[in-house]
Amino acid sequence: MIETEKLTKLYYTIGEVAEMFKVNPSLIRFWEKEFPVIQPKKNKKGNRLFTPKDIENFNRIYDLVKVKGYTLDGARKALKVKGAVQEQIHESINPMEISSGDMVERLEQVKAKLISLKTR
């Protein structure tokens, strides 16, 4: 796993990203097509420029596909579920301001959403 906190540049080339993950640049291009969360900027020459956020997304994809053995479809679904859960979490402004009853209710809603996604 790449520690994204240690990334110092605003943009990284496809070669630099491929080297970080010890994969071929063609895999980076392939994952870019397969996973909509990766959207590198392109310069005038058409070279891809990846942000630390893109690299963080590559980290998650690499972990799911290469380490945990997910299929591409499974990894896409896992990223969607994680995104939905994060969205639910970000809806609450400050968790300390929520009463325990409200928190339990929200967690039950998240649980129901996850169960419905799992059964699809």
PDB file of N, CA and C in Angstrom:
ATOM      1  N   MET A   1       0.852  -1.185   0.000  1.00  0.00           N
ATOM      2  CA  MET A   1       0.000   0.000   0.000  1.00  0.00           C
ATOM      3  C   MET A   1       0.897   1.247   0.000  1.00  0.00           C
ATOM      4  N   ILE A   2       0.490   2.199  -0.793  1.00  0.00           N
ATOM      5  CA  ILE A   2       1.204   3.467  -0.896  1.00  0.00           C
ATOM      6  C   ILE A   2       0.649   4.407   0.164  1.00  0.00           C
ATOM      7  N   GLU A   3       1.530   5.048   0.905  1.00  0.00           N
ATOM      8  CA  GLU A   3       1.104   6.015   1.914  1.00  0.00           C
ATOM      9  C   GLU A   3       0.870   7.352   1.226  1.00  0.00           C
ATOM     10  N   THR A   4      -0.407   7.691   1.011  1.00  0.00           N
ATOM     11  CA  THR A   4      -0.735   8.899   0.256  1.00  0.00           C
ATOM     12  C   THR A   4      -0.373  10.171   1.019  1.00  0.00           C
ATOM     13  N   GLU A   5      -0.210  10.063   2.327  1.00  0.00           N
ATOM     14  CA  GLU A   5       0.181  11.242   3.104  1.00  0.00           C
ATOM     15  C   GLU A   5       1.590  11.699   2.740  1.00  0.00           C
ATOM     16  N   LYS A   6       2.406  10.772   2.245  1.00  0.00           N
ATOM     17  CA  LYS A   6       3.801  11.095   1.929  1.00  0.00           C
ATOM     18  C   LYS A   6       3.983  11.620   0.507  1.00  0.00           C
ATOM     19  N   LEU A   7       2.896  11.669  -0.267  1.00  0.00           N
ATOM     20  CA  LEU A   7       2.991  12.179  -1.630  1.00  0.00           C
ATOM     21  C   LEU A   7       3.118  13.696  -1.578  1.00  0.00           C
ATOM     22  N   THR A   8       4.114  14.226  -2.258  1.00  0.00           N
ATOM     23  CA  THR A   8       4.401  15.656  -2.148  1.00  0.00           C
ATOM     24  C   THR A   8       4.030  16.455  -3.391  1.00  0.00           C
ATOM     25  N   LYS A   9       3.918  15.796  -4.529  1.00  0.00           N
ATOM     26  CA  LYS A   9       3.633  16.509  -5.766  1.00  0.00           C
ATOM     27  C   LYS A   9       2.130  16.640  -5.994  1.00  0.00           C
ATOM     28  N   LEU A  10       1.749  17.625  -6.803  1.00  0.00           N
ATOM     29  CA  LEU A  10       0.341  17.788  -7.157  1.00  0.00           C
ATOM     30  C   LEU A  10      -0.094  16.752  -8.186  1.00  0.00           C
ATOM     31  N   TYR A  11       0.808  16.424  -9.116  1.00  0.00           N
ATOM     32  CA  TYR A  11       0.486  15.491 -10.186  1.00  0.00           C
ATOM     33  C   TYR A  11       1.622  14.495 -10.393  1.00  0.00           C
ATOM     34  N   TYR A  12       1.241  13.276 -10.774  1.00  0.00           N
ATOM     35  CA  TYR A  12       2.201  12.218 -11.050  1.00  0.00           C
ATOM     36  C   TYR A  12       1.913  11.647 -12.437  1.00  0.00           C
ATOM     37  N   THR A  13       2.957  11.309 -13.171  1.00  0.00           N
ATOM     38  CA  THR A  13       2.794  10.724 -14.496  1.00  0.00           C
ATOM     39  C   THR A  13       2.382   9.269 -14.364  1.00  0.00           C
ATOM     40  N   ILE A  14       1.933   8.709 -15.470  1.00  0.00           N
ATOM     41  CA  ILE A  14       1.515   7.308 -15.457  1.00  0.00           C
ATOM     42  C   ILE A  14       2.695   6.394 -15.134  1.00  0.00           C
ATOM     43  N   GLY A  15       3.882   6.765 -15.589  1.00  0.00           N
ATOM     44  CA  GLY A  15       5.074   5.974 -15.284  1.00  0.00           C
ATOM     45  C   GLY A  15       5.391   5.969 -13.799  1.00  0.00           C
ATOM     46  N   GLU A  16       5.245   7.135 -13.163  1.00  0.00           N
ATOM     47  CA  GLU A  16       5.502   7.218 -11.722  1.00  0.00           C
ATOM     48  C   GLU A  16       4.487   6.388 -10.938  1.00  0.00           C
ATOM     49  N   VAL A  17       3.221   6.452 -11.354  1.00  0.00           N
ATOM     50  CA  VAL A  17       2.181   5.683 -10.664  1.00  0.00           C
ATOM     51  C   VAL A  17       2.420   4.189 -10.858  1.00  0.00           C
ATOM     52  N   ALA A  18       2.753   3.792 -12.083  1.00  0.00           N
ATOM     53  CA  ALA A  18       3.026   2.379 -12.359  1.00  0.00           C
ATOM     54  C   ALA A  18       4.207   1.882 -11.521  1.00  0.00           C
ATOM     55  N   GLU A  19       5.223   2.719 -11.393  1.00  0.00           N
ATOM     56  CA  GLU A  19       6.394   2.344 -10.587  1.00  0.00           C
ATOM     57  C   GLU A  19       6.029   2.211  -9.107  1.00  0.00           C
ATOM     58  N   MET A  20       5.171   3.104  -8.608  1.00  0.00           N
ATOM     59  CA  MET A  20       4.753   3.023  -7.202  1.00  0.00           C
ATOM     60  C   MET A  20       4.112   1.677  -6.882  1.00  0.00           C
ATOM     61  N   PHE A  21       3.289   1.191  -7.816  1.00  0.00           N
ATOM     62  CA  PHE A  21       2.557  -0.052  -7.592  1.00  0.00           C
ATOM     63  C   PHE A  21       3.249  -1.277  -8.192  1.00  0.00           C
ATOM     64  N   LYS A  22       4.396  -1.025  -8.844  1.00  0.00           N
ATOM     65  CA  LYS A  22       5.156  -2.105  -9.473  1.00  0.00           C
ATOM     66  C   LYS A  22       4.290  -2.892 -10.475  1.00  0.00           C
ATOM     67  N   VAL A  23       3.602  -2.131 -11.350  1.00  0.00           N
ATOM     68  CA  VAL A  23       2.783  -2.712 -12.413  1.00  0.00           C
ATOM     69  C   VAL A  23       3.129  -2.018 -13.721  1.00  0.00           C
ATOM     70  N   ASN A  24       2.652  -2.550 -14.813  1.00  0.00           N
ATOM     71  CA  ASN A  24       2.853  -1.929 -16.120  1.00  0.00           C
ATOM     72  C   ASN A  24       1.915  -0.734 -16.293  1.00  0.00           C
ATOM     73  N   PRO A  25       2.349   0.286 -17.011  1.00  0.00           N
ATOM     74  CA  PRO A  25       1.453   1.422 -17.286  1.00  0.00           C
ATOM     75  C   PRO A  25       0.159   1.008 -17.984  1.00  0.00           C
ATOM     76  N   SER A  26       0.212  -0.082 -18.741  1.00  0.00           N
ATOM     77  CA  SER A  26      -1.008  -0.541 -19.421  1.00  0.00           C
ATOM     78  C   SER A  26      -2.095  -0.936 -18.416  1.00  0.00           C
ATOM     79  N   LEU A  27      -1.705  -1.469 -17.265  1.00  0.00           N
ATOM     80  CA  LEU A  27      -2.680  -1.817 -16.236  1.00  0.00           C
ATOM     81  C   LEU A  27      -3.315  -0.550 -15.662  1.00  0.00           C
ATOM     82  N   ILE A  28      -2.517   0.489 -15.498  1.00  0.00           N
ATOM     83  CA  ILE A  28      -3.043   1.768 -14.999  1.00  0.00           C
ATOM     84  C   ILE A  28      -4.072   2.301 -15.993  1.00  0.00           C
ATOM     85  N   ARG A  29      -3.767   2.263 -17.289  1.00  0.00           N
ATOM     86  CA  ARG A  29      -4.711   2.725 -18.312  1.00  0.00           C
ATOM     87  C   ARG A  29      -5.976   1.873 -18.315  1.00  0.00           C
ATOM     88  N   PHE A  30      -5.801   0.563 -18.155  1.00  0.00           N
ATOM     89  CA  PHE A  30      -6.946  -0.350 -18.131  1.00  0.00           C
ATOM     90  C   PHE A  30      -7.860  -0.041 -16.946  1.00  0.00           C
ATOM     91  N   TRP A  31      -7.277   0.098 -15.756  1.00  0.00           N
ATOM     92  CA  TRP A  31      -8.086   0.401 -14.574  1.00  0.00           C
ATOM     93  C   TRP A  31      -8.771   1.753 -14.699  1.00  0.00           C
ATOM     94  N   GLU A  32      -8.117   2.687 -15.357  1.00  0.00           N
ATOM     95  CA  GLU A  32      -8.733   4.004 -15.586  1.00  0.00           C
ATOM     96  C   GLU A  32     -10.037   3.839 -16.369  1.00  0.00           C
ATOM     97  N   LYS A  33     -10.040   2.935 -17.352  1.00  0.00           N
ATOM     98  CA  LYS A  33     -11.249   2.684 -18.148  1.00  0.00           C
ATOM     99  C   LYS A  33     -12.295   1.912 -17.354  1.00  0.00           C
ATOM    100  N   GLU A  34     -11.850   1.009 -16.505  1.00  0.00           N
ATOM    101  CA  GLU A  34     -12.762   0.129 -15.778  1.00  0.00           C
ATOM    102  C   GLU A  34     -13.393   0.768 -14.529  1.00  0.00           C
ATOM    103  N   PHE A  35     -12.710   1.721 -13.924  1.00  0.00           N
ATOM    104  CA  PHE A  35     -13.173   2.306 -12.666  1.00  0.00           C
ATOM    105  C   PHE A  35     -13.392   3.809 -12.831  1.00  0.00           C
ATOM    106  N   PRO A  36     -14.642   4.246 -12.777  1.00  0.00           N
ATOM    107  CA  PRO A  36     -14.933   5.671 -12.987  1.00  0.00           C
ATOM    108  C   PRO A  36     -14.377   6.602 -11.910  1.00  0.00           C
ATOM    109  N   VAL A  37     -13.945   6.063 -10.771  1.00  0.00           N
ATOM    110  CA  VAL A  37     -13.391   6.927  -9.721  1.00  0.00           C
ATOM    111  C   VAL A  37     -12.037   7.497 -10.113  1.00  0.00           C
ATOM    112  N   ILE A  38     -11.420   6.905 -11.129  1.00  0.00           N
ATOM    113  CA  ILE A  38     -10.110   7.385 -11.575  1.00  0.00           C
ATOM    114  C   ILE A  38     -10.307   8.240 -12.816  1.00  0.00           C
ATOM    115  N   GLN A  39     -10.049   9.516 -12.664  1.00  0.00           N
ATOM    116  CA  GLN A  39     -10.203  10.449 -13.778  1.00  0.00           C
ATOM    117  C   GLN A  39      -9.011  11.398 -13.806  1.00  0.00           C
ATOM    118  N   PRO A  40      -7.910  10.943 -14.383  1.00  0.00           N
ATOM    119  CA  PRO A  40      -6.728  11.810 -14.411  1.00  0.00           C
ATOM    120  C   PRO A  40      -6.930  12.997 -15.343  1.00  0.00           C
ATOM    121  N   LYS A  41      -6.242  14.056 -15.030  1.00  0.00           N
ATOM    122  CA  LYS A  41      -6.222  15.204 -15.927  1.00  0.00           C
ATOM    123  C   LYS A  41      -5.266  14.866 -17.060  1.00  0.00           C
ATOM    124  N   LYS A  42      -5.457  15.536 -18.194  1.00  0.00           N
ATOM    125  CA  LYS A  42      -4.532  15.328 -19.313  1.00  0.00           C
ATOM    126  C   LYS A  42      -3.970  16.676 -19.725  1.00  0.00           C
ATOM    127  N   ASN A  43      -2.661  16.697 -19.996  1.00  0.00           N
ATOM    128  CA  ASN A  43      -2.036  17.942 -20.439  1.00  0.00           C
ATOM    129  C   ASN A  43      -2.274  18.122 -21.941  1.00  0.00           C
ATOM    130  N   LYS A  44      -1.704  19.155 -22.518  1.00  0.00           N
ATOM    131  CA  LYS A  44      -1.926  19.453 -23.931  1.00  0.00           C
ATOM    132  C   LYS A  44      -1.472  18.322 -24.847  1.00  0.00           C
ATOM    133  N   LYS A  45      -0.456  17.591 -24.419  1.00  0.00           N
ATOM    134  CA  LYS A  45       0.049  16.478 -25.220  1.00  0.00           C
ATOM    135  C   LYS A  45      -0.796  15.216 -25.045  1.00  0.00           C
ATOM    136  N   GLY A  46      -1.710  15.224 -24.082  1.00  0.00           N
ATOM    137  CA  GLY A  46      -2.544  14.056 -23.830  1.00  0.00           C
ATOM    138  C   GLY A  46      -1.986  13.117 -22.779  1.00  0.00           C
ATOM    139  N   ASN A  47      -0.896  13.526 -22.123  1.00  0.00           N
ATOM    140  CA  ASN A  47      -0.314  12.699 -21.056  1.00  0.00           C
ATOM    141  C   ASN A  47      -1.211  12.749 -19.821  1.00  0.00           C
ATOM    142  N   ARG A  48      -1.384  11.608 -19.211  1.00  0.00           N
ATOM    143  CA  ARG A  48      -2.209  11.530 -18.001  1.00  0.00           C
ATOM    144  C   ARG A  48      -1.435  12.078 -16.807  1.00  0.00           C
ATOM    145  N   LEU A  49      -2.141  12.864 -15.992  1.00  0.00           N
ATOM    146  CA  LEU A  49      -1.563  13.413 -14.769  1.00  0.00           C
ATOM    147  C   LEU A  49      -2.462  13.017 -13.602  1.00  0.00           C
ATOM    148  N   PHE A  50      -1.924  12.197 -12.709  1.00  0.00           N
ATOM    149  CA  PHE A  50      -2.693  11.652 -11.604  1.00  0.00           C
ATOM    150  C   PHE A  50      -2.466  12.452 -10.327  1.00  0.00           C
ATOM    151  N   THR A  51      -3.548  12.746  -9.622  1.00  0.00           N
ATOM    152  CA  THR A  51      -3.478  13.467  -8.354  1.00  0.00           C
ATOM    153  C   THR A  51      -3.270  12.462  -7.214  1.00  0.00           C
ATOM    154  N   PRO A  52      -2.899  12.947  -6.039  1.00  0.00           N
ATOM    155  CA  PRO A  52      -2.817  12.031  -4.887  1.00  0.00           C
ATOM    156  C   PRO A  52      -4.154  11.331  -4.610  1.00  0.00           C
ATOM    157  N   LYS A  53      -5.283  11.985  -4.909  1.00  0.00           N
ATOM    158  CA  LYS A  53      -6.603  11.351  -4.728  1.00  0.00           C
ATOM    159  C   LYS A  53      -6.746  10.167  -5.680  1.00  0.00           C
ATOM    160  N   ASP A  54      -6.288  10.337  -6.930  1.00  0.00           N
ATOM    161  CA  ASP A  54      -6.316   9.221  -7.882  1.00  0.00           C
ATOM    162  C   ASP A  54      -5.460   8.067  -7.370  1.00  0.00           C
ATOM    163  N   ILE A  55      -4.311   8.390  -6.821  1.00  0.00           N
ATOM    164  CA  ILE A  55      -3.407   7.358  -6.296  1.00  0.00           C
ATOM    165  C   ILE A  55      -4.041   6.656  -5.105  1.00  0.00           C
ATOM    166  N   GLU A  56      -4.766   7.396  -4.289  1.00  0.00           N
ATOM    167  CA  GLU A  56      -5.496   6.796  -3.168  1.00  0.00           C
ATOM    168  C   GLU A  56      -6.543   5.804  -3.698  1.00  0.00           C
ATOM    169  N   ASN A  57      -7.231   6.185  -4.775  1.00  0.00           N
ATOM    170  CA  ASN A  57      -8.206   5.278  -5.384  1.00  0.00           C
ATOM    171  C   ASN A  57      -7.515   4.051  -5.976  1.00  0.00           C
ATOM    172  N   PHE A  58      -6.355   4.240  -6.609  1.00  0.00           N
ATOM    173  CA  PHE A  58      -5.582   3.102  -7.107  1.00  0.00           C
ATOM    174  C   PHE A  58      -5.203   2.177  -5.952  1.00  0.00           C
ATOM    175  N   ASN A  59      -4.849   2.761  -4.826  1.00  0.00           N
ATOM    176  CA  ASN A  59      -4.516   1.975  -3.636  1.00  0.00           C
ATOM    177  C   ASN A  59      -5.665   1.035  -3.287  1.00  0.00           C
ATOM    178  N   ARG A  60      -6.874   1.598  -3.237  1.00  0.00           N
ATOM    179  CA  ARG A  60      -8.048   0.795  -2.869  1.00  0.00           C
ATOM    180  C   ARG A  60      -8.299  -0.296  -3.915  1.00  0.00           C
ATOM    181  N   ILE A  61      -8.199   0.076  -5.199  1.00  0.00           N
ATOM    182  CA  ILE A  61      -8.428  -0.893  -6.265  1.00  0.00           C
ATOM    183  C   ILE A  61      -7.366  -1.986  -6.226  1.00  0.00           C
ATOM    184  N   TYR A  62      -6.104  -1.594  -6.078  1.00  0.00           N
ATOM    185  CA  TYR A  62      -5.005  -2.559  -6.017  1.00  0.00           C
ATOM    186  C   TYR A  62      -5.229  -3.539  -4.865  1.00  0.00           C
ATOM    187  N   ASP A  63      -5.618  -3.003  -3.708  1.00  0.00           N
ATOM    188  CA  ASP A  63      -5.855  -3.854  -2.539  1.00  0.00           C
ATOM    189  C   ASP A  63      -6.983  -4.848  -2.818  1.00  0.00           C
ATOM    190  N   LEU A  64      -8.076  -4.357  -3.400  1.00  0.00           N
ATOM    191  CA  LEU A  64      -9.209  -5.242  -3.663  1.00  0.00           C
ATOM    192  C   LEU A  64      -8.876  -6.301  -4.708  1.00  0.00           C
ATOM    193  N   VAL A  65      -8.250  -5.900  -5.807  1.00  0.00           N
ATOM    194  CA  VAL A  65      -8.028  -6.813  -6.933  1.00  0.00           C
ATOM    195  C   VAL A  65      -6.795  -7.692  -6.724  1.00  0.00           C
ATOM    196  N   LYS A  66      -5.665  -7.083  -6.422  1.00  0.00           N
ATOM    197  CA  LYS A  66      -4.405  -7.836  -6.358  1.00  0.00           C
ATOM    198  C   LYS A  66      -4.179  -8.526  -5.020  1.00  0.00           C
ATOM    199  N   VAL A  67      -4.587  -7.881  -3.913  1.00  0.00           N
ATOM    200  CA  VAL A  67      -4.320  -8.454  -2.590  1.00  0.00           C
ATOM    201  C   VAL A  67      -5.460  -9.373  -2.142  1.00  0.00           C
ATOM    202  N   LYS A  68      -6.699  -8.860  -2.226  1.00  0.00           N
ATOM    203  CA  LYS A  68      -7.842  -9.628  -1.725  1.00  0.00           C
ATOM    204  C   LYS A  68      -8.446 -10.553  -2.772  1.00  0.00           C
ATOM    205  N   GLY A  69      -8.049 -10.399  -4.033  1.00  0.00           N
ATOM    206  CA  GLY A  69      -8.499 -11.321  -5.071  1.00  0.00           C
ATOM    207  C   GLY A  69      -9.891 -11.061  -5.626  1.00  0.00           C
ATOM    208  N   TYR A  70     -10.401  -9.858  -5.488  1.00  0.00           N
ATOM    209  CA  TYR A  70     -11.713  -9.530  -6.032  1.00  0.00           C
ATOM    210  C   TYR A  70     -11.662  -9.559  -7.558  1.00  0.00           C
ATOM    211  N   THR A  71     -12.805  -9.849  -8.171  1.00  0.00           N
ATOM    212  CA  THR A  71     -12.924  -9.655  -9.614  1.00  0.00           C
ATOM    213  C   THR A  71     -13.092  -8.161  -9.853  1.00  0.00           C
ATOM    214  N   LEU A  72     -12.963  -7.729 -11.099  1.00  0.00           N
ATOM    215  CA  LEU A  72     -13.148  -6.307 -11.397  1.00  0.00           C
ATOM    216  C   LEU A  72     -14.563  -5.867 -11.052  1.00  0.00           C
ATOM    217  N   ASP A  73     -15.550  -6.714 -11.373  1.00  0.00           N
ATOM    218  CA  ASP A  73     -16.936  -6.380 -11.058  1.00  0.00           C
ATOM    219  C   ASP A  73     -17.136  -6.303  -9.540  1.00  0.00           C
ATOM    220  N   GLY A  74     -16.549  -7.242  -8.819  1.00  0.00           N
ATOM    221  CA  GLY A  74     -16.646  -7.234  -7.359  1.00  0.00           C
ATOM    222  C   GLY A  74     -15.982  -6.013  -6.754  1.00  0.00           C
ATOM    223  N   ALA A  75     -14.848  -5.627  -7.299  1.00  0.00           N
ATOM    224  CA  ALA A  75     -14.149  -4.437  -6.805  1.00  0.00           C
ATOM    225  C   ALA A  75     -14.976  -3.184  -7.070  1.00  0.00           C
ATOM    226  N   ARG A  76     -15.608  -3.118  -8.259  1.00  0.00           N
ATOM    227  CA  ARG A  76     -16.464  -1.969  -8.576  1.00  0.00           C
ATOM    228  C   ARG A  76     -17.608  -1.861  -7.583  1.00  0.00           C
ATOM    229  N   LYS A  77     -18.225  -3.002  -7.267  1.00  0.00           N
ATOM    230  CA  LYS A  77     -19.338  -3.014  -6.309  1.00  0.00           C
ATOM    231  C   LYS A  77     -18.858  -2.622  -4.915  1.00  0.00           C
ATOM    232  N   ALA A  78     -17.704  -3.127  -4.512  1.00  0.00           N
ATOM    233  CA  ALA A  78     -17.164  -2.802  -3.191  1.00  0.00           C
ATOM    234  C   ALA A  78     -16.876  -1.308  -3.073  1.00  0.00           C
ATOM    235  N   LEU A  79     -16.357  -0.712  -4.138  1.00  0.00           N
ATOM    236  CA  LEU A  79     -16.092   0.733  -4.121  1.00  0.00           C
ATOM    237  C   LEU A  79     -17.386   1.527  -4.043  1.00  0.00           C
ATOM    238  N   LYS A  80     -18.441   1.045  -4.725  1.00  0.00           N
ATOM    239  CA  LYS A  80     -19.740   1.724  -4.672  1.00  0.00           C
ATOM    240  C   LYS A  80     -20.316   1.677  -3.261  1.00  0.00           C
ATOM    241  N   VAL A  81     -20.246   0.497  -2.631  1.00  0.00           N
ATOM    242  CA  VAL A  81     -20.773   0.343  -1.271  1.00  0.00           C
ATOM    243  C   VAL A  81     -20.018   1.252  -0.319  1.00  0.00           C
ATOM    244  N   LYS A  82     -18.697   1.264  -0.436  1.00  0.00           N
ATOM    245  CA  LYS A  82     -17.900   2.118   0.444  1.00  0.00           C
ATOM    246  C   LYS A  82     -18.253   3.578   0.219  1.00  0.00           C
ATOM    247  N   GLY A  83     -18.467   3.963  -1.036  1.00  0.00           N
ATOM    248  CA  GLY A  83     -18.846   5.337  -1.348  1.00  0.00           C
ATOM    249  C   GLY A  83     -20.200   5.695  -0.759  1.00  0.00           C
ATOM    250  N   ALA A  84     -21.155   4.752  -0.805  1.00  0.00           N
ATOM    251  CA  ALA A  84     -22.485   4.996  -0.246  1.00  0.00           C
ATOM    252  C   ALA A  84     -22.414   5.150   1.269  1.00  0.00           C
ATOM    253  N   VAL A  85     -21.594   4.319   1.905  1.00  0.00           N
ATOM    254  CA  VAL A  85     -21.452   4.405   3.361  1.00  0.00           C
ATOM    255  C   VAL A  85     -20.794   5.725   3.743  1.00  0.00           C
ATOM    256  N   GLN A  86     -19.752   6.125   2.999  1.00  0.00           N
ATOM    257  CA  GLN A  86     -19.088   7.397   3.293  1.00  0.00           C
ATOM    258  C   GLN A  86     -20.048   8.562   3.112  1.00  0.00           C
ATOM    259  N   GLU A  87     -20.908   8.480   2.095  1.00  0.00           N
ATOM    260  CA  GLU A  87     -21.891   9.536   1.862  1.00  0.00           C
ATOM    261  C   GLU A  87     -22.842   9.636   3.045  1.00  0.00           C
ATOM    262  N   GLN A  88     -23.288   8.491   3.554  1.00  0.00           N
ATOM    263  CA  GLN A  88     -24.172   8.479   4.719  1.00  0.00           C
ATOM    264  C   GLN A  88     -23.475   9.107   5.925  1.00  0.00           C
ATOM    265  N   ILE A  89     -22.211   8.788   6.100  1.00  0.00           N
ATOM    266  CA  ILE A  89     -21.462   9.311   7.241  1.00  0.00           C
ATOM    267  C   ILE A  89     -21.295  10.824   7.126  1.00  0.00           C
ATOM    268  N   HIS A  90     -20.985  11.306   5.908  1.00  0.00           N
ATOM    269  CA  HIS A  90     -20.749  12.733   5.719  1.00  0.00           C
ATOM    270  C   HIS A  90     -22.017  13.560   5.833  1.00  0.00           C
ATOM    271  N   GLU A  91     -23.187  12.909   5.746  1.00  0.00           N
ATOM    272  CA  GLU A  91     -24.432  13.647   5.886  1.00  0.00           C
ATOM    273  C   GLU A  91     -24.573  14.220   7.293  1.00  0.00           C
ATOM    274  N   SER A  92     -24.039  13.521   8.271  1.00  0.00           N
ATOM    275  CA  SER A  92     -24.099  14.042   9.635  1.00  0.00           C
ATOM    276  C   SER A  92     -22.928  15.007   9.828  1.00  0.00           C
ATOM    277  N   ILE A  93     -23.235  16.231  10.206  1.00  0.00           N
ATOM    278  CA  ILE A  93     -22.221  17.284  10.306  1.00  0.00           C
ATOM    279  C   ILE A  93     -21.215  16.976  11.391  1.00  0.00           C
ATOM    280  N   ASN A  94     -21.683  16.688  12.562  1.00  0.00           N
ATOM    281  CA  ASN A  94     -20.790  16.410  13.680  1.00  0.00           C
ATOM    282  C   ASN A  94     -21.378  15.250  14.483  1.00  0.00           C
ATOM    283  N   PRO A  95     -20.747  14.087  14.463  1.00  0.00           N
ATOM    284  CA  PRO A  95     -21.296  12.941  15.175  1.00  0.00           C
ATOM    285  C   PRO A  95     -21.477  13.178  16.673  1.00  0.00           C
ATOM    286  N   MET A  96     -20.720  14.109  17.243  1.00  0.00           N
ATOM    287  CA  MET A  96     -20.839  14.372  18.679  1.00  0.00           C
ATOM    288  C   MET A  96     -22.138  15.106  19.010  1.00  0.00           C
ATOM    289  N   GLU A  97     -22.739  15.745  18.007  1.00  0.00           N
ATOM    290  CA  GLU A  97     -23.981  16.485  18.239  1.00  0.00           C
ATOM    291  C   GLU A  97     -25.215  15.597  18.118  1.00  0.00           C
ATOM    292  N   ILE A  98     -25.043  14.345  17.714  1.00  0.00           N
ATOM    293  CA  ILE A  98     -26.161  13.443  17.503  1.00  0.00           C
ATOM    294  C   ILE A  98     -26.393  12.634  18.776  1.00  0.00           C
ATOM    295  N   SER A  99     -27.667  12.526  19.164  1.00  0.00           N
ATOM    296  CA  SER A  99     -27.975  11.729  20.353  1.00  0.00           C
ATOM    297  C   SER A  99     -27.774  10.254  20.031  1.00  0.00           C
ATOM    298  N   SER A 100     -27.622   9.451  21.052  1.00  0.00           N
ATOM    299  CA  SER A 100     -27.355   8.030  20.822  1.00  0.00           C
ATOM    300  C   SER A 100     -28.534   7.362  20.124  1.00  0.00           C
ATOM    301  N   GLY A 101     -29.749   7.812  20.402  1.00  0.00           N
ATOM    302  CA  GLY A 101     -30.928   7.258  19.723  1.00  0.00           C
ATOM    303  C   GLY A 101     -30.895   7.547  18.231  1.00  0.00           C
ATOM    304  N   ASP A 102     -30.539   8.795  17.884  1.00  0.00           N
ATOM    305  CA  ASP A 102     -30.436   9.167  16.472  1.00  0.00           C
ATOM    306  C   ASP A 102     -29.312   8.395  15.791  1.00  0.00           C
ATOM    307  N   MET A 103     -28.223   8.207  16.501  1.00  0.00           N
ATOM    308  CA  MET A 103     -27.088   7.482  15.945  1.00  0.00           C
ATOM    309  C   MET A 103     -27.481   6.036  15.644  1.00  0.00           C
ATOM    310  N   VAL A 104     -28.195   5.399  16.575  1.00  0.00           N
ATOM    311  CA  VAL A 104     -28.643   4.023  16.367  1.00  0.00           C
ATOM    312  C   VAL A 104     -29.572   3.957  15.164  1.00  0.00           C
ATOM    313  N   GLU A 105     -30.457   4.931  15.050  1.00  0.00           N
ATOM    314  CA  GLU A 105     -31.386   4.967  13.917  1.00  0.00           C
ATOM    315  C   GLU A 105     -30.632   5.094  12.590  1.00  0.00           C
ATOM    316  N   ARG A 106     -29.644   5.979  12.553  1.00  0.00           N
ATOM    317  CA  ARG A 106     -28.859   6.156  11.326  1.00  0.00           C
ATOM    318  C   ARG A 106     -28.064   4.903  10.989  1.00  0.00           C
ATOM    319  N   LEU A 107     -27.496   4.273  12.014  1.00  0.00           N
ATOM    320  CA  LEU A 107     -26.755   3.034  11.777  1.00  0.00           C
ATOM    321  C   LEU A 107     -27.676   1.930  11.257  1.00  0.00           C
ATOM    322  N   GLU A 108     -28.896   1.882  11.759  1.00  0.00           N
ATOM    323  CA  GLU A 108     -29.871   0.904  11.256  1.00  0.00           C
ATOM    324  C   GLU A 108     -30.191   1.171   9.790  1.00  0.00           C
ATOM    325  N   GLN A 109     -30.280   2.456   9.414  1.00  0.00           N
ATOM    326  CA  GLN A 109     -30.536   2.815   8.014  1.00  0.00           C
ATOM    327  C   GLN A 109     -29.371   2.381   7.126  1.00  0.00           C
ATOM    328  N   VAL A 110     -28.160   2.614   7.608  1.00  0.00           N
ATOM    329  CA  VAL A 110     -26.974   2.207   6.850  1.00  0.00           C
ATOM    330  C   VAL A 110     -26.945   0.687   6.716  1.00  0.00           C
ATOM    331  N   LYS A 111     -27.259  -0.009   7.797  1.00  0.00           N
ATOM    332  CA  LYS A 111     -27.290  -1.471   7.784  1.00  0.00           C
ATOM    333  C   LYS A 111     -28.307  -1.974   6.762  1.00  0.00           C
ATOM    334  N   ALA A 112     -29.500  -1.379   6.760  1.00  0.00           N
ATOM    335  CA  ALA A 112     -30.539  -1.788   5.811  1.00  0.00           C
ATOM    336  C   ALA A 112     -30.080  -1.544   4.377  1.00  0.00           C
ATOM    337  N   LYS A 113     -29.420  -0.420   4.146  1.00  0.00           N
ATOM    338  CA  LYS A 113     -28.919  -0.097   2.805  1.00  0.00           C
ATOM    339  C   LYS A 113     -27.866  -1.124   2.370  1.00  0.00           C
ATOM    340  N   LEU A 114     -26.956  -1.466   3.271  1.00  0.00           N
ATOM    341  CA  LEU A 114     -25.920  -2.452   2.954  1.00  0.00           C
ATOM    342  C   LEU A 114     -26.519  -3.828   2.668  1.00  0.00           C
ATOM    343  N   ILE A 115     -27.521  -4.202   3.439  1.00  0.00           N
ATOM    344  CA  ILE A 115     -28.173  -5.496   3.227  1.00  0.00           C
ATOM    345  C   ILE A 115     -28.869  -5.514   1.869  1.00  0.00           C
ATOM    346  N   SER A 116     -29.539  -4.400   1.519  1.00  0.00           N
ATOM    347  CA  SER A 116     -30.216  -4.356   0.222  1.00  0.00           C
ATOM    348  C   SER A 116     -29.209  -4.416  -0.926  1.00  0.00           C
ATOM    349  N   LEU A 117     -28.046  -3.761  -0.757  1.00  0.00           N
ATOM    350  CA  LEU A 117     -27.016  -3.822  -1.791  1.00  0.00           C
ATOM    351  C   LEU A 117     -26.439  -5.228  -1.917  1.00  0.00           C
ATOM    352  N   LYS A 118     -26.309  -5.905  -0.784  1.00  0.00           N
ATOM    353  CA  LYS A 118     -25.744  -7.254  -0.777  1.00  0.00           C
ATOM    354  C   LYS A 118     -26.673  -8.243  -1.483  1.00  0.00           C
ATOM    355  N   THR A 119     -27.981  -8.084  -1.316  1.00  0.00           N
ATOM    356  CA  THR A 119     -28.930  -9.036  -1.891  1.00  0.00           C
ATOM    357  C   THR A 119     -29.147  -8.823  -3.383  1.00  0.00           C
ATOM    358  N   ARG A 120     -28.711  -7.703  -3.937  1.00  0.00           N
ATOM    359  CA  ARG A 120     -28.888  -7.445  -5.380  1.00  0.00           C
ATOM    360  C   ARG A 120     -28.050  -8.364  -6.215  1.00  0.00           C
TER     361      ARG A 120
END
